PDB file of N, CA and C in Angstrom:
ATOM      1  N   MET A   1      -8.060  22.172   5.268  1.00  0.00           N
ATOM      2  CA  MET A   1      -7.485  22.010   6.585  1.00  0.00           C
ATOM      3  C   MET A   1      -6.520  20.837   6.565  1.00  0.00           C
ATOM      4  N   GLU A   2      -5.357  21.001   7.173  1.00  0.00           N
ATOM      5  CA  GLU A   2      -4.353  19.947   7.186  1.00  0.00           C
ATOM      6  C   GLU A   2      -4.446  19.110   8.450  1.00  0.00           C
ATOM      7  N   PHE A   3      -4.133  17.830   8.280  1.00  0.00           N
ATOM      8  CA  PHE A   3      -4.140  16.881   9.379  1.00  0.00           C
ATOM      9  C   PHE A   3      -2.819  16.136   9.420  1.00  0.00           C
ATOM     10  N   CYS A   4      -2.457  15.674  10.600  1.00  0.00           N
ATOM     11  CA  CYS A   4      -1.278  14.840  10.794  1.00  0.00           C
ATOM     12  C   CYS A   4      -1.773  13.396  10.876  1.00  0.00           C
ATOM     13  N   ILE A   5      -1.216  12.541  10.028  1.00  0.00           N
ATOM     14  CA  ILE A   5      -1.640  11.148   9.938  1.00  0.00           C
ATOM     15  C   ILE A   5      -0.501  10.262  10.447  1.00  0.00           C
ATOM     16  N   THR A   6      -0.783   9.400  11.412  1.00  0.00           N
ATOM     17  CA  THR A   6       0.220   8.465  11.930  1.00  0.00           C
ATOM     18  C   THR A   6      -0.371   7.062  11.980  1.00  0.00           C
ATOM     19  N   LYS A   7       0.482   6.060  11.775  1.00  0.00           N
ATOM     20  CA  LYS A   7       0.017   4.678  11.762  1.00  0.00           C
ATOM     21  C   LYS A   7      -0.204   4.175  13.176  1.00  0.00           C
ATOM     22  N   ASN A   8      -1.307   3.494  13.350  1.00  0.00           N
ATOM     23  CA  ASN A   8      -1.672   2.898  14.620  1.00  0.00           C
ATOM     24  C   ASN A   8      -1.106   1.481  14.649  1.00  0.00           C
ATOM     25  N   TYR A   9      -1.160   0.809  15.761  1.00  0.00           N
ATOM     26  CA  TYR A   9      -0.600  -0.532  15.892  1.00  0.00           C
ATOM     27  C   TYR A   9      -1.363  -1.604  15.119  1.00  0.00           C
ATOM     28  N   ASN A  10      -2.608  -1.376  14.761  1.00  0.00           N
ATOM     29  CA  ASN A  10      -3.426  -2.404  14.101  1.00  0.00           C
ATOM     30  C   ASN A  10      -3.800  -2.034  12.665  1.00  0.00           C
ATOM     31  N   ASN A  11      -2.866  -1.414  11.941  1.00  0.00           N
ATOM     32  CA  ASN A  11      -3.047  -1.031  10.533  1.00  0.00           C
ATOM     33  C   ASN A  11      -4.197  -0.052  10.315  1.00  0.00           C
ATOM     34  N   THR A  12      -4.511   0.726  11.317  1.00  0.00           N
ATOM     35  CA  THR A  12      -5.412   1.852  11.144  1.00  0.00           C
ATOM     36  C   THR A  12      -4.582   3.116  11.299  1.00  0.00           C
ATOM     37  N   TRP A  13      -5.177   4.254  11.008  1.00  0.00           N
ATOM     38  CA  TRP A  13      -4.423   5.509  10.960  1.00  0.00           C
ATOM     39  C   TRP A  13      -5.068   6.551  11.861  1.00  0.00           C
ATOM     40  N   ASP A  14      -4.265   7.120  12.765  1.00  0.00           N
ATOM     41  CA  ASP A  14      -4.722   8.179  13.662  1.00  0.00           C
ATOM     42  C   ASP A  14      -4.714   9.509  12.924  1.00  0.00           C
ATOM     43  N   ILE A  15      -5.743  10.309  13.150  1.00  0.00           N
ATOM     44  CA  ILE A  15      -5.889  11.610  12.485  1.00  0.00           C
ATOM     45  C   ILE A  15      -5.926  12.705  13.548  1.00  0.00           C
ATOM     46  N   SER A  16      -5.007  13.670  13.418  1.00  0.00           N
ATOM     47  CA  SER A  16      -4.941  14.815  14.342  1.00  0.00           C
ATOM     48  C   SER A  16      -4.896  16.098  13.534  1.00  0.00           C
ATOM     49  N   PRO A  17      -5.690  17.106  13.874  1.00  0.00           N
ATOM     50  CA  PRO A  17      -5.603  18.388  13.167  1.00  0.00           C
ATOM     51  C   PRO A  17      -4.268  19.074  13.472  1.00  0.00           C
ATOM     52  N   VAL A  18      -3.734  19.772  12.476  1.00  0.00           N
ATOM     53  CA  VAL A  18      -2.484  20.509  12.648  1.00  0.00           C
ATOM     54  C   VAL A  18      -2.753  21.857  13.304  1.00  0.00           C
ATOM     55  N   SER A  19      -3.917  22.441  13.025  1.00  0.00           N
ATOM     56  CA  SER A  19      -4.272  23.739  13.605  1.00  0.00           C
ATOM     57  C   SER A  19      -5.701  23.694  14.124  1.00  0.00           C
ATOM     58  N   GLY A  20      -6.093  24.742  14.817  1.00  0.00           N
ATOM     59  CA  GLY A  20      -7.451  24.828  15.346  1.00  0.00           C
ATOM     60  C   GLY A  20      -7.504  24.478  16.819  1.00  0.00           C
ATOM     61  N   PRO A  21      -8.704  24.445  17.388  1.00  0.00           N
ATOM     62  CA  PRO A  21      -8.843  24.213  18.822  1.00  0.00           C
ATOM     63  C   PRO A  21      -8.428  22.810  19.270  1.00  0.00           C
ATOM     64  N   LEU A  22      -8.452  21.834  18.373  1.00  0.00           N
ATOM     65  CA  LEU A  22      -8.091  20.459  18.722  1.00  0.00           C
ATOM     66  C   LEU A  22      -6.737  20.046  18.166  1.00  0.00           C
ATOM     67  N   ALA A  23      -5.869  20.996  17.874  1.00  0.00           N
ATOM     68  CA  ALA A  23      -4.555  20.714  17.279  1.00  0.00           C
ATOM     69  C   ALA A  23      -3.764  19.752  18.164  1.00  0.00           C
ATOM     70  N   GLY A  24      -3.232  18.705  17.523  1.00  0.00           N
ATOM     71  CA  GLY A  24      -2.407  17.740  18.234  1.00  0.00           C
ATOM     72  C   GLY A  24      -3.155  16.607  18.907  1.00  0.00           C
ATOM     73  N   GLU A  25      -4.466  16.671  18.991  1.00  0.00           N
ATOM     74  CA  GLU A  25      -5.260  15.607  19.612  1.00  0.00           C
ATOM     75  C   GLU A  25      -5.755  14.641  18.543  1.00  0.00           C
ATOM     76  N   VAL A  26      -5.724  13.343  18.848  1.00  0.00           N
ATOM     77  CA  VAL A  26      -6.273  12.348  17.930  1.00  0.00           C
ATOM     78  C   VAL A  26      -7.788  12.450  17.999  1.00  0.00           C
ATOM     79  N   ILE A  27      -8.393  12.850  16.884  1.00  0.00           N
ATOM     80  CA  ILE A  27      -9.844  13.025  16.877  1.00  0.00           C
ATOM     81  C   ILE A  27     -10.567  11.922  16.116  1.00  0.00           C
ATOM     82  N   ALA A  28      -9.827  11.170  15.279  1.00  0.00           N
ATOM     83  CA  ALA A  28     -10.461  10.107  14.497  1.00  0.00           C
ATOM     84  C   ALA A  28      -9.443   9.033  14.130  1.00  0.00           C
ATOM     85  N   VAL A  29      -9.969   7.868  13.785  1.00  0.00           N
ATOM     86  CA  VAL A  29      -9.164   6.745  13.307  1.00  0.00           C
ATOM     87  C   VAL A  29      -9.810   6.265  12.017  1.00  0.00           C
ATOM     88  N   ALA A  30      -8.990   5.964  10.991  1.00  0.00           N
ATOM     89  CA  ALA A  30      -9.538   5.531   9.702  1.00  0.00           C
ATOM     90  C   ALA A  30      -8.801   4.292   9.190  1.00  0.00           C
ATOM     91  N   ASP A  31      -9.535   3.456   8.428  1.00  0.00           N
ATOM     92  CA  ASP A  31      -8.931   2.287   7.780  1.00  0.00           C
ATOM     93  C   ASP A  31      -8.206   2.685   6.508  1.00  0.00           C
ATOM     94  N   GLY A  32      -8.727   3.702   5.823  1.00  0.00           N
ATOM     95  CA  GLY A  32      -8.121   4.154   4.577  1.00  0.00           C
ATOM     96  C   GLY A  32      -8.330   5.641   4.379  1.00  0.00           C
ATOM     97  N   LEU A  33      -7.393   6.280   3.671  1.00  0.00           N
ATOM     98  CA  LEU A  33      -7.478   7.718   3.429  1.00  0.00           C
ATOM     99  C   LEU A  33      -6.977   8.058   2.038  1.00  0.00           C
ATOM    100  N   ASN A  34      -7.567   9.070   1.436  1.00  0.00           N
ATOM    101  CA  ASN A  34      -7.046   9.721   0.232  1.00  0.00           C
ATOM    102  C   ASN A  34      -6.555  11.086   0.679  1.00  0.00           C
ATOM    103  N   LEU A  35      -5.298  11.381   0.387  1.00  0.00           N
ATOM    104  CA  LEU A  35      -4.691  12.628   0.818  1.00  0.00           C
ATOM    105  C   LEU A  35      -4.195  13.425  -0.378  1.00  0.00           C
ATOM    106  N   ALA A  36      -4.136  14.736  -0.231  1.00  0.00           N
ATOM    107  CA  ALA A  36      -3.602  15.623  -1.266  1.00  0.00           C
ATOM    108  C   ALA A  36      -2.564  16.542  -0.642  1.00  0.00           C
ATOM    109  N   GLY A  37      -1.537  16.886  -1.417  1.00  0.00           N
ATOM    110  CA  GLY A  37      -0.501  17.800  -0.944  1.00  0.00           C
ATOM    111  C   GLY A  37       0.224  17.267   0.271  1.00  0.00           C
ATOM    112  N   ALA A  38       0.612  16.001   0.233  1.00  0.00           N
ATOM    113  CA  ALA A  38       1.207  15.352   1.399  1.00  0.00           C
ATOM    114  C   ALA A  38       2.684  15.703   1.567  1.00  0.00           C
ATOM    115  N   ARG A  39       3.068  15.905   2.832  1.00  0.00           N
ATOM    116  CA  ARG A  39       4.476  16.075   3.203  1.00  0.00           C
ATOM    117  C   ARG A  39       4.816  14.966   4.182  1.00  0.00           C
ATOM    118  N   PHE A  40       5.940  14.277   3.926  1.00  0.00           N
ATOM    119  CA  PHE A  40       6.361  13.190   4.794  1.00  0.00           C
ATOM    120  C   PHE A  40       7.403  13.703   5.781  1.00  0.00           C
ATOM    121  N   THR A  41       7.162  13.515   7.075  1.00  0.00           N
ATOM    122  CA  THR A  41       8.122  13.902   8.100  1.00  0.00           C
ATOM    123  C   THR A  41       8.298  12.725   9.044  1.00  0.00           C
ATOM    124  N   GLN A  42       9.473  12.141   9.036  1.00  0.00           N
ATOM    125  CA  GLN A  42       9.777  10.955   9.841  1.00  0.00           C
ATOM    126  C   GLN A  42       8.679   9.912   9.665  1.00  0.00           C
ATOM    127  N   ARG A  43       7.860   9.670  10.680  1.00  0.00           N
ATOM    128  CA  ARG A  43       6.828   8.643  10.596  1.00  0.00           C
ATOM    129  C   ARG A  43       5.431   9.240  10.534  1.00  0.00           C
ATOM    130  N   GLU A  44       5.332  10.493  10.097  1.00  0.00           N
ATOM    131  CA  GLU A  44       4.043  11.185   9.997  1.00  0.00           C
ATOM    132  C   GLU A  44       3.826  11.688   8.574  1.00  0.00           C
ATOM    133  N   ILE A  45       2.561  11.827   8.218  1.00  0.00           N
ATOM    134  CA  ILE A  45       2.181  12.444   6.952  1.00  0.00           C
ATOM    135  C   ILE A  45       1.303  13.642   7.295  1.00  0.00           C
ATOM    136  N   VAL A  46       1.668  14.809   6.779  1.00  0.00           N
ATOM    137  CA  VAL A  46       0.857  16.013   6.968  1.00  0.00           C
ATOM    138  C   VAL A  46       0.226  16.328   5.623  1.00  0.00           C
ATOM    139  N   ALA A  47      -1.111  16.363   5.573  1.00  0.00           N
ATOM    140  CA  ALA A  47      -1.801  16.541   4.298  1.00  0.00           C
ATOM    141  C   ALA A  47      -3.245  16.965   4.505  1.00  0.00           C
ATOM    142  N   THR A  48      -3.893  17.288   3.385  1.00  0.00           N
ATOM    143  CA  THR A  48      -5.322  17.561   3.348  1.00  0.00           C
ATOM    144  C   THR A  48      -6.040  16.254   3.018  1.00  0.00           C
ATOM    145  N   ILE A  49      -7.085  15.926   3.760  1.00  0.00           N
ATOM    146  CA  ILE A  49      -7.839  14.694   3.512  1.00  0.00           C
ATOM    147  C   ILE A  49      -8.875  14.951   2.431  1.00  0.00           C
ATOM    148  N   LYS A  50      -8.845  14.134   1.370  1.00  0.00           N
ATOM    149  CA  LYS A  50      -9.828  14.233   0.293  1.00  0.00           C
ATOM    150  C   LYS A  50     -10.990  13.262   0.499  1.00  0.00           C
ATOM    151  N   ALA A  51     -10.705  12.089   1.057  1.00  0.00           N
ATOM    152  CA  ALA A  51     -11.754  11.101   1.332  1.00  0.00           C
ATOM    153  C   ALA A  51     -11.263  10.162   2.424  1.00  0.00           C
ATOM    154  N   ALA A  52     -12.195   9.587   3.166  1.00  0.00           N
ATOM    155  CA  ALA A  52     -11.854   8.659   4.240  1.00  0.00           C
ATOM    156  C   ALA A  52     -12.677   7.383   4.100  1.00  0.00           C
ATOM    157  N   TRP A  53     -12.062   6.266   4.476  1.00  0.00           N
ATOM    158  CA  TRP A  53     -12.713   4.963   4.408  1.00  0.00           C
ATOM    159  C   TRP A  53     -12.685   4.363   5.822  1.00  0.00           C
ATOM    160  N   GLY A  54     -13.817   3.970   6.341  1.00  0.00           N
ATOM    161  CA  GLY A  54     -13.894   3.336   7.652  1.00  0.00           C
ATOM    162  C   GLY A  54     -13.456   4.254   8.777  1.00  0.00           C
ATOM    163  N   ILE A  55     -13.949   5.483   8.756  1.00  0.00           N
ATOM    164  CA  ILE A  55     -13.528   6.470   9.752  1.00  0.00           C
ATOM    165  C   ILE A  55     -14.393   6.373  11.009  1.00  0.00           C
ATOM    166  N   SER A  56     -13.749   6.481  12.168  1.00  0.00           N
ATOM    167  CA  SER A  56     -14.435   6.511  13.460  1.00  0.00           C
ATOM    168  C   SER A  56     -13.966   7.754  14.197  1.00  0.00           C
ATOM    169  N   ILE A  57     -14.898   8.630  14.540  1.00  0.00           N
ATOM    170  CA  ILE A  57     -14.546   9.838  15.276  1.00  0.00           C
ATOM    171  C   ILE A  57     -14.383   9.453  16.738  1.00  0.00           C
ATOM    172  N   MET A  58     -13.214   9.753  17.300  1.00  0.00           N
ATOM    173  CA  MET A  58     -12.856   9.305  18.640  1.00  0.00           C
ATOM    174  C   MET A  58     -13.035  10.381  19.707  1.00  0.00           C
ATOM    175  N   TYR A  59     -13.288  11.592  19.310  1.00  0.00           N
ATOM    176  CA  TYR A  59     -13.385  12.679  20.271  1.00  0.00           C
ATOM    177  C   TYR A  59     -14.670  12.504  21.066  1.00  0.00           C
ATOM    178  N   GLU A  60     -14.568  12.363  22.361  1.00  0.00           N
ATOM    179  CA  GLU A  60     -15.703  11.967  23.204  1.00  0.00           C
ATOM    180  C   GLU A  60     -16.843  12.982  23.234  1.00  0.00           C
ATOM    181  N   ASP A  61     -16.530  14.254  23.394  1.00  0.00           N
ATOM    182  CA  ASP A  61     -17.590  15.250  23.534  1.00  0.00           C
ATOM    183  C   ASP A  61     -18.286  15.587  22.219  1.00  0.00           C
ATOM    184  N   PHE A  62     -17.674  15.224  21.109  1.00  0.00           N
ATOM    185  CA  PHE A  62     -18.175  15.514  19.766  1.00  0.00           C
ATOM    186  C   PHE A  62     -18.429  17.001  19.557  1.00  0.00           C
ATOM    187  N   ASP A  63     -17.663  17.828  20.263  1.00  0.00           N
ATOM    188  CA  ASP A  63     -17.737  19.273  20.083  1.00  0.00           C
ATOM    189  C   ASP A  63     -16.712  19.735  19.064  1.00  0.00           C
ATOM    190  N   ILE A  64     -16.584  18.997  17.992  1.00  0.00           N
ATOM    191  CA  ILE A  64     -15.614  19.329  16.957  1.00  0.00           C
ATOM    192  C   ILE A  64     -16.215  20.441  16.104  1.00  0.00           C
ATOM    193  N   ASP A  65     -15.393  21.443  15.804  1.00  0.00           N
ATOM    194  CA  ASP A  65     -15.904  22.554  14.998  1.00  0.00           C
ATOM    195  C   ASP A  65     -16.214  22.102  13.572  1.00  0.00           C
ATOM    196  N   VAL A  66     -17.034  22.867  12.887  1.00  0.00           N
ATOM    197  CA  VAL A  66     -17.523  22.517  11.551  1.00  0.00           C
ATOM    198  C   VAL A  66     -16.382  22.380  10.553  1.00  0.00           C
ATOM    199  N   GLN A  67     -15.394  23.258  10.611  1.00  0.00           N
ATOM    200  CA  GLN A  67     -14.261  23.201   9.676  1.00  0.00           C
ATOM    201  C   GLN A  67     -13.504  21.878   9.812  1.00  0.00           C
ATOM    202  N   THR A  68     -13.316  21.400  11.035  1.00  0.00           N
ATOM    203  CA  THR A  68     -12.625  20.124  11.255  1.00  0.00           C
ATOM    204  C   THR A  68     -13.453  18.969  10.719  1.00  0.00           C
ATOM    205  N   LEU A  69     -14.763  18.968  10.959  1.00  0.00           N
ATOM    206  CA  LEU A  69     -15.626  17.901  10.445  1.00  0.00           C
ATOM    207  C   LEU A  69     -15.616  17.856   8.920  1.00  0.00           C
ATOM    208  N   ARG A  70     -15.689  19.017   8.275  1.00  0.00           N
ATOM    209  CA  ARG A  70     -15.630  19.056   6.806  1.00  0.00           C
ATOM    210  C   ARG A  70     -14.284  18.571   6.298  1.00  0.00           C
ATOM    211  N   GLY A  71     -13.231  18.885   7.020  1.00  0.00           N
ATOM    212  CA  GLY A  71     -11.882  18.504   6.617  1.00  0.00           C
ATOM    213  C   GLY A  71     -11.608  17.018   6.675  1.00  0.00           C
ATOM    214  N   LEU A  72     -12.442  16.250   7.390  1.00  0.00           N
ATOM    215  CA  LEU A  72     -12.224  14.804   7.507  1.00  0.00           C
ATOM    216  C   LEU A  72     -12.589  14.033   6.243  1.00  0.00           C
ATOM    217  N   GLY A  73     -13.240  14.644   5.285  1.00  0.00           N
ATOM    218  CA  GLY A  73     -13.531  13.994   4.006  1.00  0.00           C
ATOM    219  C   GLY A  73     -14.568  12.893   4.085  1.00  0.00           C
ATOM    220  N   VAL A  74     -15.493  12.987   5.025  1.00  0.00           N
ATOM    221  CA  VAL A  74     -16.532  11.965   5.175  1.00  0.00           C
ATOM    222  C   VAL A  74     -17.510  12.052   4.007  1.00  0.00           C
ATOM    223  N   GLY A  75     -17.831  10.911   3.400  1.00  0.00           N
ATOM    224  CA  GLY A  75     -18.827  10.851   2.339  1.00  0.00           C
ATOM    225  C   GLY A  75     -18.319  11.208   0.952  1.00  0.00           C
ATOM    226  N   LYS A  76     -17.021  11.390   0.798  1.00  0.00           N
ATOM    227  CA  LYS A  76     -16.474  11.723  -0.524  1.00  0.00           C
ATOM    228  C   LYS A  76     -15.966  10.469  -1.218  1.00  0.00           C
ATOM    229  N   CYS A  77     -15.822  10.540  -2.533  1.00  0.00           N
ATOM    230  CA  CYS A  77     -15.421   9.405  -3.363  1.00  0.00           C
ATOM    231  C   CYS A  77     -13.956   9.023  -3.110  1.00  0.00           C
ATOM    232  N   PHE A  78     -13.711   7.726  -2.862  1.00  0.00           N
ATOM    233  CA  PHE A  78     -12.370   7.219  -2.579  1.00  0.00           C
ATOM    234  C   PHE A  78     -11.649   6.916  -3.888  1.00  0.00           C
ATOM    235  N   ASP A  79     -10.470   7.488  -4.086  1.00  0.00           N
ATOM    236  CA  ASP A  79      -9.700   7.376  -5.325  1.00  0.00           C
ATOM    237  C   ASP A  79      -8.643   6.282  -5.191  1.00  0.00           C
ATOM    238  N   MET A  80      -8.707   5.271  -6.073  1.00  0.00           N
ATOM    239  CA  MET A  80      -7.764   4.153  -6.025  1.00  0.00           C
ATOM    240  C   MET A  80      -6.649   4.273  -7.068  1.00  0.00           C
ATOM    241  N   ARG A  81      -6.482   5.436  -7.714  1.00  0.00           N
ATOM    242  CA  ARG A  81      -5.504   5.577  -8.797  1.00  0.00           C
ATOM    243  C   ARG A  81      -4.034   5.600  -8.389  1.00  0.00           C
ATOM    244  N   PRO A  82      -3.642   6.182  -7.248  1.00  0.00           N
ATOM    245  CA  PRO A  82      -2.209   6.190  -6.931  1.00  0.00           C
ATOM    246  C   PRO A  82      -1.639   4.775  -6.944  1.00  0.00           C
ATOM    247  N   ASP A  83      -0.481   4.599  -7.628  1.00  0.00           N
ATOM    248  CA  ASP A  83       0.023   3.245  -7.834  1.00  0.00           C
ATOM    249  C   ASP A  83       1.504   3.052  -7.509  1.00  0.00           C
ATOM    250  N   GLN A  84       2.208   4.077  -7.047  1.00  0.00           N
ATOM    251  CA  GLN A  84       3.611   3.922  -6.695  1.00  0.00           C
ATOM    252  C   GLN A  84       3.698   3.598  -5.214  1.00  0.00           C
ATOM    253  N   GLU A  85       4.062   2.354  -4.898  1.00  0.00           N
ATOM    254  CA  GLU A  85       4.026   1.911  -3.510  1.00  0.00           C
ATOM    255  C   GLU A  85       5.167   2.515  -2.693  1.00  0.00           C
ATOM    256  N   VAL A  86       4.848   2.846  -1.451  1.00  0.00           N
ATOM    257  CA  VAL A  86       5.782   3.472  -0.512  1.00  0.00           C
ATOM    258  C   VAL A  86       5.831   2.608   0.738  1.00  0.00           C
ATOM    259  N   VAL A  87       7.033   2.494   1.334  1.00  0.00           N
ATOM    260  CA  VAL A  87       7.165   1.730   2.573  1.00  0.00           C
ATOM    261  C   VAL A  87       7.637   2.645   3.698  1.00  0.00           C
ATOM    262  N   PRO A  88       6.985   2.555   4.879  1.00  0.00           N
ATOM    263  CA  PRO A  88       7.456   3.346   6.016  1.00  0.00           C
ATOM    264  C   PRO A  88       8.732   2.728   6.584  1.00  0.00           C
ATOM    265  N   ASP A  89       9.628   3.587   7.032  1.00  0.00           N
ATOM    266  CA  ASP A  89      10.913   3.163   7.564  1.00  0.00           C
ATOM    267  C   ASP A  89      11.213   4.033   8.778  1.00  0.00           C
ATOM    268  N   SER A  90      12.202   3.679   9.549  1.00  0.00           N
ATOM    269  CA  SER A  90      12.553   4.503  10.710  1.00  0.00           C
ATOM    270  C   SER A  90      13.060   5.881  10.299  1.00  0.00           C
ATOM    271  N   ASP A  91      13.569   6.002   9.063  1.00  0.00           N
ATOM    272  CA  ASP A  91      14.064   7.283   8.556  1.00  0.00           C
ATOM    273  C   ASP A  91      12.968   8.129   7.921  1.00  0.00           C
ATOM    274  N   GLY A  92      11.840   7.540   7.613  1.00  0.00           N
ATOM    275  CA  GLY A  92      10.764   8.237   6.932  1.00  0.00           C
ATOM    276  C   GLY A  92      10.051   7.299   5.983  1.00  0.00           C
ATOM    277  N   PHE A  93       9.541   7.841   4.891  1.00  0.00           N
ATOM    278  CA  PHE A  93       8.832   7.041   3.898  1.00  0.00           C
ATOM    279  C   PHE A  93       9.712   6.899   2.662  1.00  0.00           C
ATOM    280  N   LYS A  94       9.866   5.657   2.179  1.00  0.00           N
ATOM    281  CA  LYS A  94      10.752   5.382   1.050  1.00  0.00           C
ATOM    282  C   LYS A  94       9.973   4.775  -0.107  1.00  0.00           C
ATOM    283  N   ASP A  95      10.432   5.088  -1.335  1.00  0.00           N
ATOM    284  CA  ASP A  95       9.905   4.440  -2.526  1.00  0.00           C
ATOM    285  C   ASP A  95      10.256   2.954  -2.431  1.00  0.00           C
ATOM    286  N   LYS A  96       9.313   2.071  -2.705  1.00  0.00           N
ATOM    287  CA  LYS A  96       9.522   0.636  -2.542  1.00  0.00           C
ATOM    288  C   LYS A  96      10.620   0.091  -3.452  1.00  0.00           C
ATOM    289  N   PHE A  97      10.771   0.670  -4.643  1.00  0.00           N
ATOM    290  CA  PHE A  97      11.713   0.119  -5.606  1.00  0.00           C
ATOM    291  C   PHE A  97      13.084   0.789  -5.567  1.00  0.00           C
ATOM    292  N   THR A  98      13.127   2.105  -5.435  1.00  0.00           N
ATOM    293  CA  THR A  98      14.419   2.804  -5.427  1.00  0.00           C
ATOM    294  C   THR A  98      14.970   3.010  -4.023  1.00  0.00           C
ATOM    295  N   LEU A  99      14.146   2.822  -2.986  1.00  0.00           N
ATOM    296  CA  LEU A  99      14.500   3.032  -1.588  1.00  0.00           C
ATOM    297  C   LEU A  99      14.975   4.463  -1.310  1.00  0.00           C
ATOM    298  N   ARG A 100      14.510   5.395  -2.128  1.00  0.00           N
ATOM    299  CA  ARG A 100      14.815   6.815  -1.951  1.00  0.00           C
ATOM    300  C   ARG A 100      13.843   7.394  -0.925  1.00  0.00           C
ATOM    301  N   ILE A 101      14.368   8.165   0.033  1.00  0.00           N
ATOM    302  CA  ILE A 101      13.512   8.808   1.028  1.00  0.00           C
ATOM    303  C   ILE A 101      12.711   9.909   0.342  1.00  0.00           C
ATOM    304  N   LEU A 102      11.406   9.918   0.580  1.00  0.00           N
ATOM    305  CA  LEU A 102      10.512  10.865  -0.082  1.00  0.00           C
ATOM    306  C   LEU A 102      10.219  12.063   0.812  1.00  0.00           C
ATOM    307  N   GLN A 103      10.067  13.219   0.196  1.00  0.00           N
ATOM    308  CA  GLN A 103       9.711  14.439   0.913  1.00  0.00           C
ATOM    309  C   GLN A 103       8.197  14.660   0.910  1.00  0.00           C
ATOM    310  N   GLY A 104       7.512  14.210  -0.151  1.00  0.00           N
ATOM    311  CA  GLY A 104       6.074  14.399  -0.251  1.00  0.00           C
ATOM    312  C   GLY A 104       5.513  13.813  -1.524  1.00  0.00           C
ATOM    313  N   ALA A 105       4.212  14.056  -1.740  1.00  0.00           N
ATOM    314  CA  ALA A 105       3.531  13.572  -2.933  1.00  0.00           C
ATOM    315  C   ALA A 105       2.284  14.408  -3.167  1.00  0.00           C
ATOM    316  N   LYS A 106       1.884  14.486  -4.452  1.00  0.00           N
ATOM    317  CA  LYS A 106       0.661  15.228  -4.784  1.00  0.00           C
ATOM    318  C   LYS A 106      -0.567  14.505  -4.263  1.00  0.00           C
ATOM    319  N   ARG A 107      -0.606  13.192  -4.444  1.00  0.00           N
ATOM    320  CA  ARG A 107      -1.728  12.370  -3.976  1.00  0.00           C
ATOM    321  C   ARG A 107      -1.190  11.147  -3.244  1.00  0.00           C
ATOM    322  N   VAL A 108      -1.897  10.743  -2.196  1.00  0.00           N
ATOM    323  CA  VAL A 108      -1.540   9.551  -1.435  1.00  0.00           C
ATOM    324  C   VAL A 108      -2.812   8.767  -1.162  1.00  0.00           C
ATOM    325  N   MET A 109      -2.722   7.433  -1.331  1.00  0.00           N
ATOM    326  CA  MET A 109      -3.818   6.547  -0.969  1.00  0.00           C
ATOM    327  C   MET A 109      -3.290   5.601   0.109  1.00  0.00           C
ATOM    328  N   ILE A 110      -3.961   5.573   1.239  1.00  0.00           N
ATOM    329  CA  ILE A 110      -3.596   4.677   2.326  1.00  0.00           C
ATOM    330  C   ILE A 110      -4.768   3.732   2.530  1.00  0.00           C
ATOM    331  N   LEU A 111      -4.492   2.439   2.503  1.00  0.00           N
ATOM    332  CA  LEU A 111      -5.532   1.446   2.735  1.00  0.00           C
ATOM    333  C   LEU A 111      -4.926   0.332   3.573  1.00  0.00           C
ATOM    334  N   GLY A 112      -5.236   0.296   4.842  1.00  0.00           N
ATOM    335  CA  GLY A 112      -4.616  -0.660   5.760  1.00  0.00           C
ATOM    336  C   GLY A 112      -3.133  -0.358   5.894  1.00  0.00           C
ATOM    337  N   ALA A 113      -2.300  -1.364   5.632  1.00  0.00           N
ATOM    338  CA  ALA A 113      -0.847  -1.179   5.729  1.00  0.00           C
ATOM    339  C   ALA A 113      -0.230  -0.701   4.420  1.00  0.00           C
ATOM    340  N   THR A 114      -1.016  -0.619   3.354  1.00  0.00           N
ATOM    341  CA  THR A 114      -0.513  -0.229   2.037  1.00  0.00           C
ATOM    342  C   THR A 114      -0.582   1.278   1.845  1.00  0.00           C
ATOM    343  N   ILE A 115       0.534   1.845   1.402  1.00  0.00           N
ATOM    344  CA  ILE A 115       0.606   3.283   1.100  1.00  0.00           C
ATOM    345  C   ILE A 115       1.056   3.426  -0.345  1.00  0.00           C
ATOM    346  N   CYS A 116       0.251   4.093  -1.165  1.00  0.00           N
ATOM    347  CA  CYS A 116       0.596   4.327  -2.563  1.00  0.00           C
ATOM    348  C   CYS A 116       0.541   5.821  -2.841  1.00  0.00           C
ATOM    349  N   THR A 117       1.396   6.274  -3.757  1.00  0.00           N
ATOM    350  CA  THR A 117       1.450   7.697  -4.077  1.00  0.00           C
ATOM    351  C   THR A 117       1.315   7.940  -5.576  1.00  0.00           C
ATOM    352  N   MET A 118       1.061   9.180  -5.912  1.00  0.00           N
ATOM    353  CA  MET A 118       1.051   9.656  -7.292  1.00  0.00           C
ATOM    354  C   MET A 118       1.732  11.021  -7.260  1.00  0.00           C
ATOM    355  N   GLY A 119       2.733  11.230  -8.110  1.00  0.00           N
ATOM    356  CA  GLY A 119       3.435  12.491  -8.145  1.00  0.00           C
ATOM    357  C   GLY A 119       4.347  12.694  -6.946  1.00  0.00           C
ATOM    358  N   GLN A 120       5.101  11.654  -6.599  1.00  0.00           N
ATOM    359  CA  GLN A 120       5.990  11.767  -5.435  1.00  0.00           C
ATOM    360  C   GLN A 120       7.242  12.562  -5.745  1.00  0.00           C
ATOM    361  N   TYR A 121       7.788  13.199  -4.726  1.00  0.00           N
ATOM    362  CA  TYR A 121       9.039  13.951  -4.874  1.00  0.00           C
ATOM    363  C   TYR A 121       9.861  13.801  -3.616  1.00  0.00           C
TER     364      TYR A 121
END
């Protein structure tokens, strides 16, 4: 299941499902995320969550369907291997060293304000 990830004002990340009954609603906030198959669009990342660090489910009724709960990556191993740093910009996400705007990455690690990728394109 794919989620839309956006940066919050306090270096946490808002998580919204792309599809399903709660599409477009912020259902959780996380301190860190491991993502796979990421696509960068302006100031958002659309990807599958592989693992989450410091996640808080924000949906009040907690009537989240099972597929959405499984998709949040709770309890999975956090991968620290991605090492190519990326910086968010008003135009999108850029490689820190070449300043090239990125379209996506195979793996993304987000921890606080730091965003690192592996296999970026």
